[in-house]
N, C-alpha and C. Protein backbone atom coordinates (compact mmCIF):
# COMPACT_ATOMS: atom_id res chain seq x y z
N MET A 1 -81.39 -9.86 4.11
CA MET A 1 -81.60 -11.10 3.35
C MET A 1 -80.63 -12.07 3.72
N PRO A 2 -80.96 -13.21 3.81
CA PRO A 2 -79.85 -14.42 4.12
C PRO A 2 -79.29 -14.84 3.06
N TYR A 3 -77.76 -14.67 2.84
CA TYR A 3 -77.16 -15.08 1.66
C TYR A 3 -76.31 -16.30 2.12
N THR A 4 -75.96 -17.20 1.07
CA THR A 4 -75.06 -18.26 1.24
C THR A 4 -73.96 -18.21 0.30
N ILE A 5 -72.88 -18.69 0.54
CA ILE A 5 -71.93 -18.87 -0.44
C ILE A 5 -71.43 -20.30 -0.44
N ARG A 6 -71.23 -20.82 -1.53
CA ARG A 6 -70.52 -22.10 -1.61
C ARG A 6 -69.79 -22.31 -2.94
N PRO A 7 -68.85 -23.28 -3.05
CA PRO A 7 -67.94 -23.48 -4.16
C PRO A 7 -68.88 -23.83 -5.28
N ALA A 8 -68.47 -23.18 -6.40
CA ALA A 8 -69.29 -23.55 -7.89
C ALA A 8 -68.93 -25.08 -8.19
N SER A 9 -69.71 -25.66 -8.92
CA SER A 9 -69.45 -27.01 -9.41
C SER A 9 -69.67 -26.71 -11.04
N SER A 10 -69.12 -27.72 -11.75
CA SER A 10 -69.33 -27.82 -13.06
C SER A 10 -70.88 -27.60 -13.75
N ASP A 11 -71.71 -27.97 -12.85
CA ASP A 11 -73.07 -27.85 -13.33
C ASP A 11 -73.69 -26.54 -13.13
N ASP A 12 -72.73 -25.60 -12.62
CA ASP A 12 -73.07 -24.11 -12.55
C ASP A 12 -72.54 -23.32 -13.68
N VAL A 13 -71.87 -23.92 -14.73
CA VAL A 13 -71.38 -22.86 -15.77
C VAL A 13 -72.49 -22.37 -16.61
N THR A 14 -73.56 -22.63 -16.86
CA THR A 14 -74.61 -22.02 -17.28
C THR A 14 -75.11 -20.64 -16.54
N THR A 15 -75.11 -20.90 -15.40
CA THR A 15 -75.41 -20.04 -14.36
C THR A 15 -74.35 -18.63 -14.25
N LEU A 16 -73.19 -19.26 -14.31
CA LEU A 16 -72.00 -18.23 -14.24
C LEU A 16 -71.92 -17.54 -15.55
N MET A 17 -72.15 -18.13 -16.70
CA MET A 17 -72.19 -17.52 -17.97
C MET A 17 -73.59 -16.40 -17.95
N ALA A 18 -74.61 -16.67 -17.33
CA ALA A 18 -75.65 -15.79 -17.45
C ALA A 18 -75.26 -14.56 -16.71
N LEU A 19 -74.79 -14.93 -15.42
CA LEU A 19 -74.13 -13.63 -14.59
C LEU A 19 -73.27 -12.78 -15.37
N ARG A 20 -72.32 -13.44 -15.94
CA ARG A 20 -71.31 -12.63 -16.50
C ARG A 20 -72.00 -11.79 -17.86
N THR A 21 -72.74 -12.52 -18.52
CA THR A 21 -73.43 -11.87 -19.67
C THR A 21 -74.46 -10.58 -19.12
N GLU A 22 -75.17 -10.89 -18.19
CA GLU A 22 -76.13 -9.97 -17.52
C GLU A 22 -74.95 -8.64 -17.24
N ALA A 23 -73.75 -8.88 -16.56
CA ALA A 23 -73.02 -7.91 -15.98
C ALA A 23 -72.50 -7.13 -17.38
N GLU A 24 -72.09 -7.94 -18.32
CA GLU A 24 -71.66 -7.21 -19.41
C GLU A 24 -72.56 -6.11 -20.21
N ASP A 25 -73.61 -6.64 -20.24
CA ASP A 25 -75.03 -5.99 -21.00
C ASP A 25 -75.18 -4.71 -20.17
N TRP A 26 -75.21 -4.76 -18.73
CA TRP A 26 -75.37 -3.77 -17.73
C TRP A 26 -74.37 -2.75 -18.01
N LEU A 27 -73.13 -3.20 -17.98
CA LEU A 27 -72.08 -2.18 -18.14
C LEU A 27 -72.04 -1.49 -19.32
N ARG A 28 -72.43 -2.08 -20.61
CA ARG A 28 -72.52 -1.40 -21.79
C ARG A 28 -73.61 -0.37 -22.03
N SER A 29 -74.69 -0.80 -21.37
CA SER A 29 -75.92 0.09 -21.18
C SER A 29 -75.45 1.42 -20.37
N ARG A 30 -74.62 1.24 -19.42
CA ARG A 30 -74.14 2.51 -18.91
C ARG A 30 -72.98 3.13 -19.45
N GLY A 31 -72.60 2.68 -20.59
CA GLY A 31 -71.51 3.32 -21.35
C GLY A 31 -70.19 2.97 -21.02
N SER A 32 -70.18 2.00 -20.13
CA SER A 32 -68.83 1.50 -19.88
C SER A 32 -68.05 0.60 -20.81
N ASP A 33 -66.91 0.69 -20.95
CA ASP A 33 -66.19 -0.42 -21.71
C ASP A 33 -65.58 -1.60 -20.98
N GLN A 34 -65.83 -1.56 -19.71
CA GLN A 34 -65.43 -2.62 -18.76
C GLN A 34 -65.99 -3.93 -19.42
N TRP A 35 -65.29 -5.04 -19.27
CA TRP A 35 -65.80 -6.24 -19.95
C TRP A 35 -66.47 -6.09 -21.44
N SER A 36 -65.88 -5.29 -22.15
CA SER A 36 -66.25 -5.08 -23.50
C SER A 36 -65.89 -6.32 -24.44
N ASP A 37 -64.79 -6.97 -23.95
CA ASP A 37 -64.26 -8.09 -24.71
C ASP A 37 -65.17 -9.18 -24.09
N ARG A 38 -66.35 -9.35 -24.52
CA ARG A 38 -67.17 -10.22 -24.00
C ARG A 38 -66.74 -11.60 -24.13
N GLU A 39 -66.90 -12.44 -22.95
CA GLU A 39 -66.57 -13.78 -22.64
C GLU A 39 -67.63 -14.64 -23.37
N VAL A 40 -67.60 -15.41 -24.54
CA VAL A 40 -68.65 -16.12 -24.89
C VAL A 40 -68.01 -17.40 -25.32
N GLY A 41 -68.88 -18.36 -25.73
CA GLY A 41 -68.41 -19.57 -26.18
C GLY A 41 -67.54 -20.45 -25.47
N ALA A 42 -66.88 -21.32 -26.44
CA ALA A 42 -66.24 -22.31 -25.72
C ALA A 42 -64.98 -21.87 -24.90
N LEU A 43 -64.39 -20.70 -25.17
CA LEU A 43 -63.25 -20.12 -24.52
C LEU A 43 -63.71 -19.77 -22.98
N ALA A 44 -65.01 -19.12 -22.86
CA ALA A 44 -65.41 -18.75 -21.72
C ALA A 44 -65.89 -19.85 -20.83
N ILE A 45 -66.51 -20.76 -21.48
CA ILE A 45 -66.69 -22.10 -20.89
C ILE A 45 -65.67 -22.77 -20.20
N THR A 46 -64.52 -22.82 -20.94
CA THR A 46 -63.39 -23.53 -20.65
C THR A 46 -62.80 -22.66 -19.42
N LYS A 47 -62.73 -21.37 -19.28
CA LYS A 47 -62.24 -20.64 -18.42
C LYS A 47 -62.91 -20.84 -16.93
N TRP A 48 -64.24 -20.89 -17.11
CA TRP A 48 -65.02 -21.26 -15.86
C TRP A 48 -64.62 -22.66 -15.28
N HIS A 49 -64.71 -23.72 -16.10
CA HIS A 49 -64.27 -24.98 -15.64
C HIS A 49 -63.07 -25.02 -15.21
N THR A 50 -62.05 -24.13 -15.58
CA THR A 50 -60.67 -24.28 -15.11
C THR A 50 -60.81 -23.76 -13.76
N ALA A 51 -61.36 -22.59 -13.42
CA ALA A 51 -61.50 -21.92 -12.27
C ALA A 51 -62.29 -22.79 -11.36
N ILE A 52 -63.29 -23.38 -11.68
CA ILE A 52 -64.16 -24.33 -10.78
C ILE A 52 -63.10 -25.70 -10.31
N ASP A 53 -62.55 -26.22 -11.31
CA ASP A 53 -61.96 -27.45 -11.06
C ASP A 53 -60.77 -27.18 -10.20
N GLU A 54 -60.17 -25.76 -10.20
CA GLU A 54 -59.04 -25.40 -9.37
C GLU A 54 -59.61 -24.95 -7.84
N GLY A 55 -60.87 -24.91 -7.85
CA GLY A 55 -61.46 -24.41 -6.31
C GLY A 55 -61.69 -22.83 -6.22
N ARG A 56 -61.54 -22.21 -7.19
CA ARG A 56 -61.49 -20.71 -7.17
C ARG A 56 -62.70 -20.18 -7.45
N THR A 57 -63.95 -20.73 -7.46
CA THR A 57 -64.97 -19.98 -7.96
C THR A 57 -66.16 -20.33 -6.82
N TRP A 58 -66.81 -19.35 -6.47
CA TRP A 58 -67.91 -19.57 -5.67
C TRP A 58 -69.16 -18.90 -6.31
N LEU A 59 -70.30 -19.38 -5.78
CA LEU A 59 -71.62 -18.93 -6.05
C LEU A 59 -72.42 -18.36 -4.84
N ILE A 60 -73.14 -17.28 -4.94
CA ILE A 60 -73.81 -16.62 -3.83
C ILE A 60 -75.31 -16.82 -4.17
N ARG A 61 -76.04 -17.48 -3.29
CA ARG A 61 -77.47 -17.49 -3.24
C ARG A 61 -78.29 -16.74 -2.26
N ASP A 62 -79.47 -16.11 -2.65
CA ASP A 62 -80.42 -15.41 -1.81
C ASP A 62 -81.35 -16.57 -1.22
N GLU A 63 -81.22 -16.72 0.04
CA GLU A 63 -81.89 -18.13 0.56
C GLU A 63 -83.44 -17.79 0.60
N ALA A 64 -83.72 -16.57 0.61
CA ALA A 64 -85.08 -16.35 0.75
C ALA A 64 -85.96 -16.62 -0.43
N SER A 65 -85.35 -16.08 -1.65
CA SER A 65 -85.77 -16.23 -3.05
C SER A 65 -85.38 -17.62 -3.73
N ASP A 66 -84.47 -18.24 -3.02
CA ASP A 66 -83.65 -19.28 -3.86
C ASP A 66 -83.18 -19.22 -5.29
N LEU A 67 -82.66 -17.88 -5.37
CA LEU A 67 -81.93 -17.42 -6.64
C LEU A 67 -80.53 -17.33 -6.31
N THR A 68 -79.78 -17.65 -7.53
CA THR A 68 -78.27 -17.21 -7.40
C THR A 68 -78.33 -15.89 -7.89
N VAL A 69 -77.45 -15.06 -6.91
CA VAL A 69 -77.36 -13.64 -7.06
C VAL A 69 -76.03 -13.17 -7.24
N GLY A 70 -74.96 -14.00 -7.33
CA GLY A 70 -73.64 -13.55 -7.47
C GLY A 70 -72.57 -14.72 -7.66
N THR A 71 -71.58 -14.26 -8.04
CA THR A 71 -70.30 -14.97 -7.94
C THR A 71 -69.02 -14.31 -7.60
N VAL A 72 -68.05 -15.03 -7.08
CA VAL A 72 -66.77 -14.34 -7.24
C VAL A 72 -65.68 -15.62 -7.23
N SER A 73 -64.63 -15.13 -7.67
CA SER A 73 -63.31 -15.85 -7.89
C SER A 73 -62.30 -15.46 -7.36
N ARG A 74 -61.15 -16.15 -7.08
CA ARG A 74 -59.99 -15.89 -6.64
C ARG A 74 -58.79 -16.34 -7.60
N GLY A 75 -57.74 -15.88 -7.62
CA GLY A 75 -56.71 -16.63 -8.37
C GLY A 75 -55.45 -15.98 -7.99
N PRO A 76 -54.49 -16.46 -8.67
CA PRO A 76 -53.06 -16.13 -8.40
C PRO A 76 -52.76 -14.88 -8.56
N VAL A 77 -51.55 -14.32 -8.15
CA VAL A 77 -51.16 -12.88 -8.49
C VAL A 77 -51.25 -12.61 -10.07
N ASP A 78 -51.52 -11.73 -10.46
CA ASP A 78 -51.45 -11.28 -11.76
C ASP A 78 -50.05 -10.42 -11.95
N ARG A 79 -49.16 -11.19 -12.61
CA ARG A 79 -47.68 -10.51 -12.71
C ARG A 79 -47.78 -9.25 -13.64
N ASP A 80 -48.96 -9.21 -14.39
CA ASP A 80 -48.85 -7.80 -15.36
C ASP A 80 -49.12 -6.85 -14.53
N PHE A 81 -49.57 -6.87 -13.26
CA PHE A 81 -49.78 -5.86 -12.24
C PHE A 81 -48.72 -5.67 -11.11
N TRP A 82 -49.08 -6.85 -10.46
CA TRP A 82 -48.19 -6.96 -9.08
C TRP A 82 -46.72 -7.65 -9.10
N ASN A 83 -45.96 -6.94 -8.43
CA ASN A 83 -44.48 -7.44 -8.49
C ASN A 83 -43.96 -7.95 -7.30
N ASN A 84 -42.73 -8.29 -7.28
CA ASN A 84 -42.11 -9.03 -6.12
C ASN A 84 -42.20 -7.99 -4.98
N SER A 85 -42.06 -6.71 -5.15
CA SER A 85 -41.71 -5.69 -4.20
C SER A 85 -43.22 -5.48 -3.45
N ASP A 86 -44.39 -5.95 -4.34
CA ASP A 86 -45.67 -5.84 -3.44
C ASP A 86 -45.83 -6.98 -2.37
N GLU A 87 -44.93 -7.90 -2.36
CA GLU A 87 -45.14 -9.23 -1.66
C GLU A 87 -46.45 -9.93 -1.86
N PRO A 88 -46.43 -10.60 -2.96
CA PRO A 88 -47.76 -11.05 -3.50
C PRO A 88 -48.15 -11.96 -2.58
N GLU A 89 -47.16 -12.90 -1.89
CA GLU A 89 -47.78 -13.87 -1.01
C GLU A 89 -48.69 -13.46 0.36
N THR A 90 -48.43 -12.09 0.37
CA THR A 90 -49.23 -11.43 1.55
C THR A 90 -50.79 -11.16 1.24
N ALA A 91 -51.28 -11.59 0.02
CA ALA A 91 -52.44 -11.17 -0.29
C ALA A 91 -53.40 -12.22 -1.03
N PHE A 92 -54.56 -12.01 -0.83
CA PHE A 92 -55.78 -12.82 -1.51
C PHE A 92 -56.11 -12.13 -2.79
N TYR A 93 -56.20 -12.54 -3.79
CA TYR A 93 -56.50 -12.08 -5.10
C TYR A 93 -57.90 -11.94 -5.71
N LEU A 94 -58.69 -11.25 -5.57
CA LEU A 94 -60.11 -11.20 -5.76
C LEU A 94 -60.32 -10.90 -7.39
N TYR A 95 -61.13 -11.91 -8.10
CA TYR A 95 -61.50 -11.63 -9.49
C TYR A 95 -63.11 -12.06 -9.74
N LYS A 96 -63.55 -11.31 -10.64
CA LYS A 96 -64.94 -11.60 -11.16
C LYS A 96 -65.90 -11.80 -10.12
N LEU A 97 -65.97 -10.47 -9.16
CA LEU A 97 -67.00 -10.54 -8.26
C LEU A 97 -68.22 -9.78 -9.37
N ILE A 98 -69.25 -10.71 -9.32
CA ILE A 98 -70.40 -10.23 -10.09
C ILE A 98 -71.74 -10.18 -9.18
N VAL A 99 -72.36 -9.36 -9.12
CA VAL A 99 -73.81 -9.29 -8.44
C VAL A 99 -74.81 -9.20 -9.49
N SER A 100 -75.81 -10.07 -9.41
CA SER A 100 -76.89 -9.81 -10.53
C SER A 100 -77.53 -8.65 -10.22
N ARG A 101 -78.24 -8.26 -11.15
CA ARG A 101 -79.04 -6.92 -11.28
C ARG A 101 -80.19 -7.15 -10.12
N ALA A 102 -80.63 -8.33 -10.03
CA ALA A 102 -81.78 -8.55 -9.02
C ALA A 102 -81.38 -8.22 -7.54
N ALA A 103 -80.11 -8.19 -7.31
CA ALA A 103 -79.47 -7.97 -5.93
C ALA A 103 -78.81 -6.85 -5.93
N ALA A 104 -78.85 -5.90 -7.05
CA ALA A 104 -77.97 -4.82 -6.90
C ALA A 104 -78.60 -3.82 -5.74
N GLY A 105 -77.53 -3.05 -5.12
CA GLY A 105 -77.98 -2.20 -4.17
C GLY A 105 -78.30 -2.90 -2.90
N SER A 106 -78.26 -4.02 -2.53
CA SER A 106 -78.64 -4.76 -1.32
C SER A 106 -77.39 -4.88 -0.40
N GLY A 107 -76.15 -4.23 -0.95
CA GLY A 107 -75.05 -4.46 -0.09
C GLY A 107 -74.31 -5.91 -0.26
N LEU A 108 -74.81 -6.71 -1.23
CA LEU A 108 -74.06 -8.08 -1.39
C LEU A 108 -72.63 -7.88 -1.65
N GLY A 109 -72.18 -6.97 -2.48
CA GLY A 109 -70.79 -6.95 -2.91
C GLY A 109 -69.92 -6.53 -1.64
N SER A 110 -70.33 -5.82 -0.87
CA SER A 110 -69.74 -5.46 0.47
C SER A 110 -69.54 -6.99 1.39
N LEU A 111 -70.58 -7.72 1.40
CA LEU A 111 -70.53 -8.74 2.20
C LEU A 111 -69.57 -9.55 1.48
N VAL A 112 -69.43 -9.93 0.34
CA VAL A 112 -68.61 -10.63 -0.52
C VAL A 112 -67.13 -10.28 -0.12
N LEU A 113 -66.86 -9.01 -0.18
CA LEU A 113 -65.63 -8.46 0.29
C LEU A 113 -65.35 -8.88 1.64
N ASP A 114 -66.16 -8.79 2.60
CA ASP A 114 -65.82 -9.02 3.98
C ASP A 114 -65.57 -10.53 3.94
N TRP A 115 -66.25 -11.38 3.24
CA TRP A 115 -65.93 -12.87 3.32
C TRP A 115 -64.63 -12.96 2.79
N ALA A 116 -64.25 -12.42 1.58
CA ALA A 116 -63.08 -12.76 1.12
C ALA A 116 -61.77 -12.10 2.18
N CYS A 117 -61.99 -11.06 2.79
CA CYS A 117 -61.24 -10.70 4.00
C CYS A 117 -61.06 -11.70 4.98
N ARG A 118 -62.08 -12.54 5.38
CA ARG A 118 -62.17 -13.38 6.36
C ARG A 118 -61.42 -14.51 5.92
N VAL A 119 -61.46 -15.06 4.75
CA VAL A 119 -60.60 -16.14 4.29
C VAL A 119 -59.22 -15.77 4.13
N ALA A 120 -58.83 -14.49 3.80
CA ALA A 120 -57.41 -14.11 3.64
C ALA A 120 -56.97 -13.98 5.21
N ALA A 121 -57.57 -13.47 5.87
CA ALA A 121 -57.10 -13.66 7.25
C ALA A 121 -56.85 -14.82 7.98
N LEU A 122 -57.68 -15.93 7.56
CA LEU A 122 -57.43 -17.19 8.10
C LEU A 122 -56.40 -17.82 7.51
N GLU A 123 -56.12 -17.58 6.27
CA GLU A 123 -54.85 -18.02 5.50
C GLU A 123 -53.54 -17.21 5.81
N GLY A 124 -53.65 -16.11 6.85
CA GLY A 124 -52.48 -15.59 7.17
C GLY A 124 -52.06 -14.39 6.40
N ARG A 125 -52.87 -14.05 5.32
CA ARG A 125 -52.81 -12.92 4.42
C ARG A 125 -53.25 -11.54 4.94
N GLU A 126 -52.22 -10.66 4.61
CA GLU A 126 -52.51 -9.22 5.20
C GLU A 126 -53.43 -8.42 4.33
N TRP A 127 -53.61 -8.83 3.03
CA TRP A 127 -54.21 -8.01 2.14
C TRP A 127 -55.48 -8.64 1.38
N LEU A 128 -56.41 -7.87 0.88
CA LEU A 128 -57.41 -8.35 -0.16
C LEU A 128 -57.19 -7.38 -1.43
N ARG A 129 -56.50 -8.17 -2.54
CA ARG A 129 -56.31 -7.12 -3.52
C ARG A 129 -57.23 -7.35 -4.80
N ILE A 130 -57.24 -6.39 -5.56
CA ILE A 130 -58.29 -6.31 -6.96
C ILE A 130 -57.44 -5.60 -7.86
N ASP A 131 -57.80 -5.67 -9.00
CA ASP A 131 -57.59 -5.00 -10.16
C ASP A 131 -58.85 -4.70 -10.89
N CYS A 132 -59.13 -3.58 -11.45
CA CYS A 132 -60.07 -3.18 -12.24
C CYS A 132 -59.73 -2.18 -13.46
N TRP A 133 -60.69 -2.11 -14.43
CA TRP A 133 -60.24 -1.47 -15.44
C TRP A 133 -59.86 0.10 -15.34
N ARG A 134 -58.90 0.33 -16.06
CA ARG A 134 -58.37 1.88 -15.66
C ARG A 134 -59.33 2.79 -16.04
N THR A 135 -60.54 2.62 -16.77
CA THR A 135 -61.50 3.53 -17.12
C THR A 135 -62.63 3.44 -16.08
N ALA A 136 -62.73 2.54 -15.45
CA ALA A 136 -63.83 2.43 -14.54
C ALA A 136 -63.93 3.02 -13.23
N THR A 137 -64.08 4.33 -13.40
CA THR A 137 -63.78 5.35 -12.26
C THR A 137 -65.02 5.33 -11.16
N GLY A 138 -66.24 4.78 -11.77
CA GLY A 138 -67.20 4.56 -10.54
C GLY A 138 -66.95 3.32 -10.02
N LEU A 139 -66.50 2.33 -10.38
CA LEU A 139 -66.23 0.95 -9.85
C LEU A 139 -64.90 1.36 -8.87
N GLN A 140 -63.94 1.95 -9.22
CA GLN A 140 -62.79 2.55 -8.38
C GLN A 140 -63.30 3.16 -7.16
N ARG A 141 -64.27 4.13 -7.44
CA ARG A 141 -64.93 4.68 -6.18
C ARG A 141 -65.64 3.92 -5.30
N TYR A 142 -66.43 2.92 -5.81
CA TYR A 142 -67.04 1.87 -5.20
C TYR A 142 -66.03 1.08 -4.10
N TYR A 143 -64.84 0.79 -4.71
CA TYR A 143 -63.96 -0.10 -3.87
C TYR A 143 -63.53 0.89 -2.77
N GLU A 144 -63.10 2.09 -3.13
CA GLU A 144 -62.50 3.04 -2.23
C GLU A 144 -63.57 3.26 -1.14
N ASN A 145 -64.75 3.44 -1.51
CA ASN A 145 -65.74 3.60 -0.39
C ASN A 145 -66.00 2.27 0.49
N LEU A 146 -65.43 1.10 0.07
CA LEU A 146 -65.49 -0.13 0.91
C LEU A 146 -64.09 -0.29 1.40
N GLY A 147 -63.21 0.63 1.49
CA GLY A 147 -62.14 0.55 2.34
C GLY A 147 -60.81 0.23 1.71
N PHE A 148 -60.91 0.14 0.28
CA PHE A 148 -59.71 -0.05 -0.49
C PHE A 148 -58.87 1.10 -0.68
N THR A 149 -57.56 1.05 -0.80
CA THR A 149 -56.62 2.21 -1.00
C THR A 149 -56.05 1.74 -2.58
N HIS A 150 -56.15 2.73 -3.20
CA HIS A 150 -55.30 2.77 -4.49
C HIS A 150 -53.98 2.69 -4.49
N VAL A 151 -53.41 1.59 -4.97
CA VAL A 151 -51.93 1.46 -4.84
C VAL A 151 -51.24 2.12 -6.03
N ARG A 152 -51.81 1.87 -7.20
CA ARG A 152 -51.25 2.66 -8.30
C ARG A 152 -51.82 1.98 -9.47
N THR A 153 -51.61 2.53 -10.69
CA THR A 153 -52.36 1.91 -11.96
C THR A 153 -51.12 1.78 -12.81
N GLU A 154 -51.30 0.48 -13.35
CA GLU A 154 -50.40 0.00 -14.40
C GLU A 154 -51.11 -0.07 -15.77
N SER A 155 -50.34 0.08 -16.72
CA SER A 155 -50.87 0.29 -18.04
C SER A 155 -50.42 -0.58 -19.14
N PRO A 156 -50.33 -2.04 -19.08
CA PRO A 156 -49.69 -2.79 -20.07
C PRO A 156 -50.42 -2.68 -21.27
N ALA A 157 -49.83 -2.62 -22.55
CA ALA A 157 -50.55 -2.35 -23.63
C ALA A 157 -51.57 -3.42 -24.16
N HIS A 158 -51.42 -4.59 -23.55
CA HIS A 158 -52.36 -5.65 -24.00
C HIS A 158 -53.45 -5.88 -22.92
N ARG A 159 -53.44 -5.01 -21.92
CA ARG A 159 -54.54 -5.09 -21.03
C ARG A 159 -55.30 -3.84 -20.73
N LYS A 160 -56.65 -4.07 -20.45
CA LYS A 160 -57.56 -2.72 -20.24
C LYS A 160 -57.69 -2.36 -18.52
N SER A 161 -57.39 -3.50 -18.14
CA SER A 161 -57.20 -3.49 -16.41
C SER A 161 -56.13 -2.86 -16.04
N GLY A 162 -55.98 -2.46 -14.76
CA GLY A 162 -54.53 -1.99 -14.25
C GLY A 162 -54.64 -1.00 -13.10
N TRP A 163 -56.02 -0.70 -12.72
CA TRP A 163 -56.22 0.01 -11.51
C TRP A 163 -56.04 -0.93 -10.22
N LEU A 164 -55.02 -0.85 -9.34
CA LEU A 164 -54.73 -1.65 -8.21
C LEU A 164 -55.24 -1.24 -7.02
N GLY A 165 -55.89 -2.00 -6.18
CA GLY A 165 -56.42 -1.53 -4.87
C GLY A 165 -56.19 -2.68 -4.05
N GLN A 166 -56.12 -2.26 -2.83
CA GLN A 166 -55.99 -3.28 -1.72
C GLN A 166 -56.54 -2.62 -0.40
N ARG A 167 -57.26 -3.69 0.31
CA ARG A 167 -57.60 -3.40 1.47
C ARG A 167 -57.29 -4.50 2.65
N PRO A 168 -56.92 -3.91 3.86
CA PRO A 168 -56.60 -4.89 4.92
C PRO A 168 -57.55 -6.03 5.14
N SER A 169 -56.97 -7.30 5.29
CA SER A 169 -57.92 -8.23 5.41
C SER A 169 -58.53 -8.32 6.97
N SER A 170 -58.04 -7.30 7.81
CA SER A 170 -58.72 -7.34 9.22
C SER A 170 -59.97 -6.16 9.00
N LEU A 171 -60.15 -5.65 7.97
CA LEU A 171 -61.24 -4.67 7.78
C LEU A 171 -62.51 -5.46 7.37
N ILE A 172 -63.33 -5.60 8.37
CA ILE A 172 -64.64 -6.18 8.26
C ILE A 172 -65.77 -5.10 8.46
N LEU A 173 -66.58 -4.90 7.43
CA LEU A 173 -67.77 -3.69 7.48
C LEU A 173 -69.13 -4.15 7.77
N ASN A 174 -69.37 -5.48 7.72
CA ASN A 174 -70.65 -5.97 8.00
C ASN A 174 -70.87 -7.08 9.17
N ASN A 175 -71.85 -7.34 9.47
CA ASN A 175 -72.19 -8.52 10.17
C ASN A 175 -71.91 -10.06 9.52
N ALA A 176 -71.17 -10.68 10.32
CA ALA A 176 -70.70 -12.00 9.72
C ALA A 176 -71.91 -12.83 9.35
N ASP A 177 -72.90 -12.84 10.10
CA ASP A 177 -74.03 -13.72 9.74
C ASP A 177 -75.01 -13.36 8.54
N ALA A 178 -74.45 -12.39 7.87
CA ALA A 178 -75.33 -12.03 6.67
C ALA A 178 -74.89 -12.82 5.35
N LEU A 179 -73.78 -13.35 5.33
CA LEU A 179 -73.29 -14.19 4.28
C LEU A 179 -72.67 -15.46 4.85
N GLN A 180 -73.24 -16.57 4.87
CA GLN A 180 -72.73 -17.91 5.40
C GLN A 180 -72.53 -18.97 4.51
N PRO A 181 -71.65 -19.68 4.71
CA PRO A 181 -71.21 -20.92 4.03
C PRO A 181 -72.61 -21.78 3.90
N ALA A 182 -72.76 -22.19 2.63
CA ALA A 182 -73.93 -23.01 2.41
C ALA A 182 -73.72 -24.54 3.12
N VAL A 183 -74.73 -25.12 3.67
CA VAL A 183 -74.39 -26.40 4.26
C VAL A 183 -75.18 -27.47 3.34
N ARG A 184 -74.55 -28.17 2.70
CA ARG A 184 -75.05 -29.30 1.98
C ARG A 184 -75.75 -30.49 2.91
N HIS A 185 -76.86 -30.94 2.71
CA HIS A 185 -77.47 -31.95 3.38
C HIS A 185 -77.19 -33.22 2.53
N PRO A 186 -76.91 -34.23 3.28
CA PRO A 186 -76.82 -35.62 2.77
C PRO A 186 -78.03 -36.15 2.05
N VAL A 187 -78.01 -36.72 0.92
CA VAL A 187 -79.25 -37.31 0.14
C VAL A 187 -79.35 -38.62 0.96
N ALA A 188 -80.51 -38.62 1.32
CA ALA A 188 -80.97 -40.07 2.01
C ALA A 188 -81.33 -40.99 1.12
């Protein structure tokens, strides 16, 4: 399937909230406590707007069905987990990779990780880094199967996340044509 990725805009917040809620519900139905601290209401909307305003959030669309099928964000180093000895400036930090249930199993997550690796490499960054919940062993295995190495697990008392992984930005697993930047056509 042809997918495109584009920066999210403030008009996309409702879509982003729906993707997050769908992911939360699916995780809960599987018995996972990941994202059990539901992001709802004004605080969640404010977080999305901030990430969008800072240019850190993208939407992924399935061009064949004309549906939004995912989102991904990047962010600064999370100092609860990564420290100076990790050389944080050498990495691209990926957050909130969400694939809709409609696109589950399509390989879209792997395509997004490749896209992030390409961006990291273009920026001269050696690593793509993630953190995920310490209890999310299935998600940890998913990332390891896509080339991530477990760096360590941190356990700050105020956080449920803390499993840290990284993958070389040079590791590309899929065809580059499968996820392309969206081209916006000027309005006549």
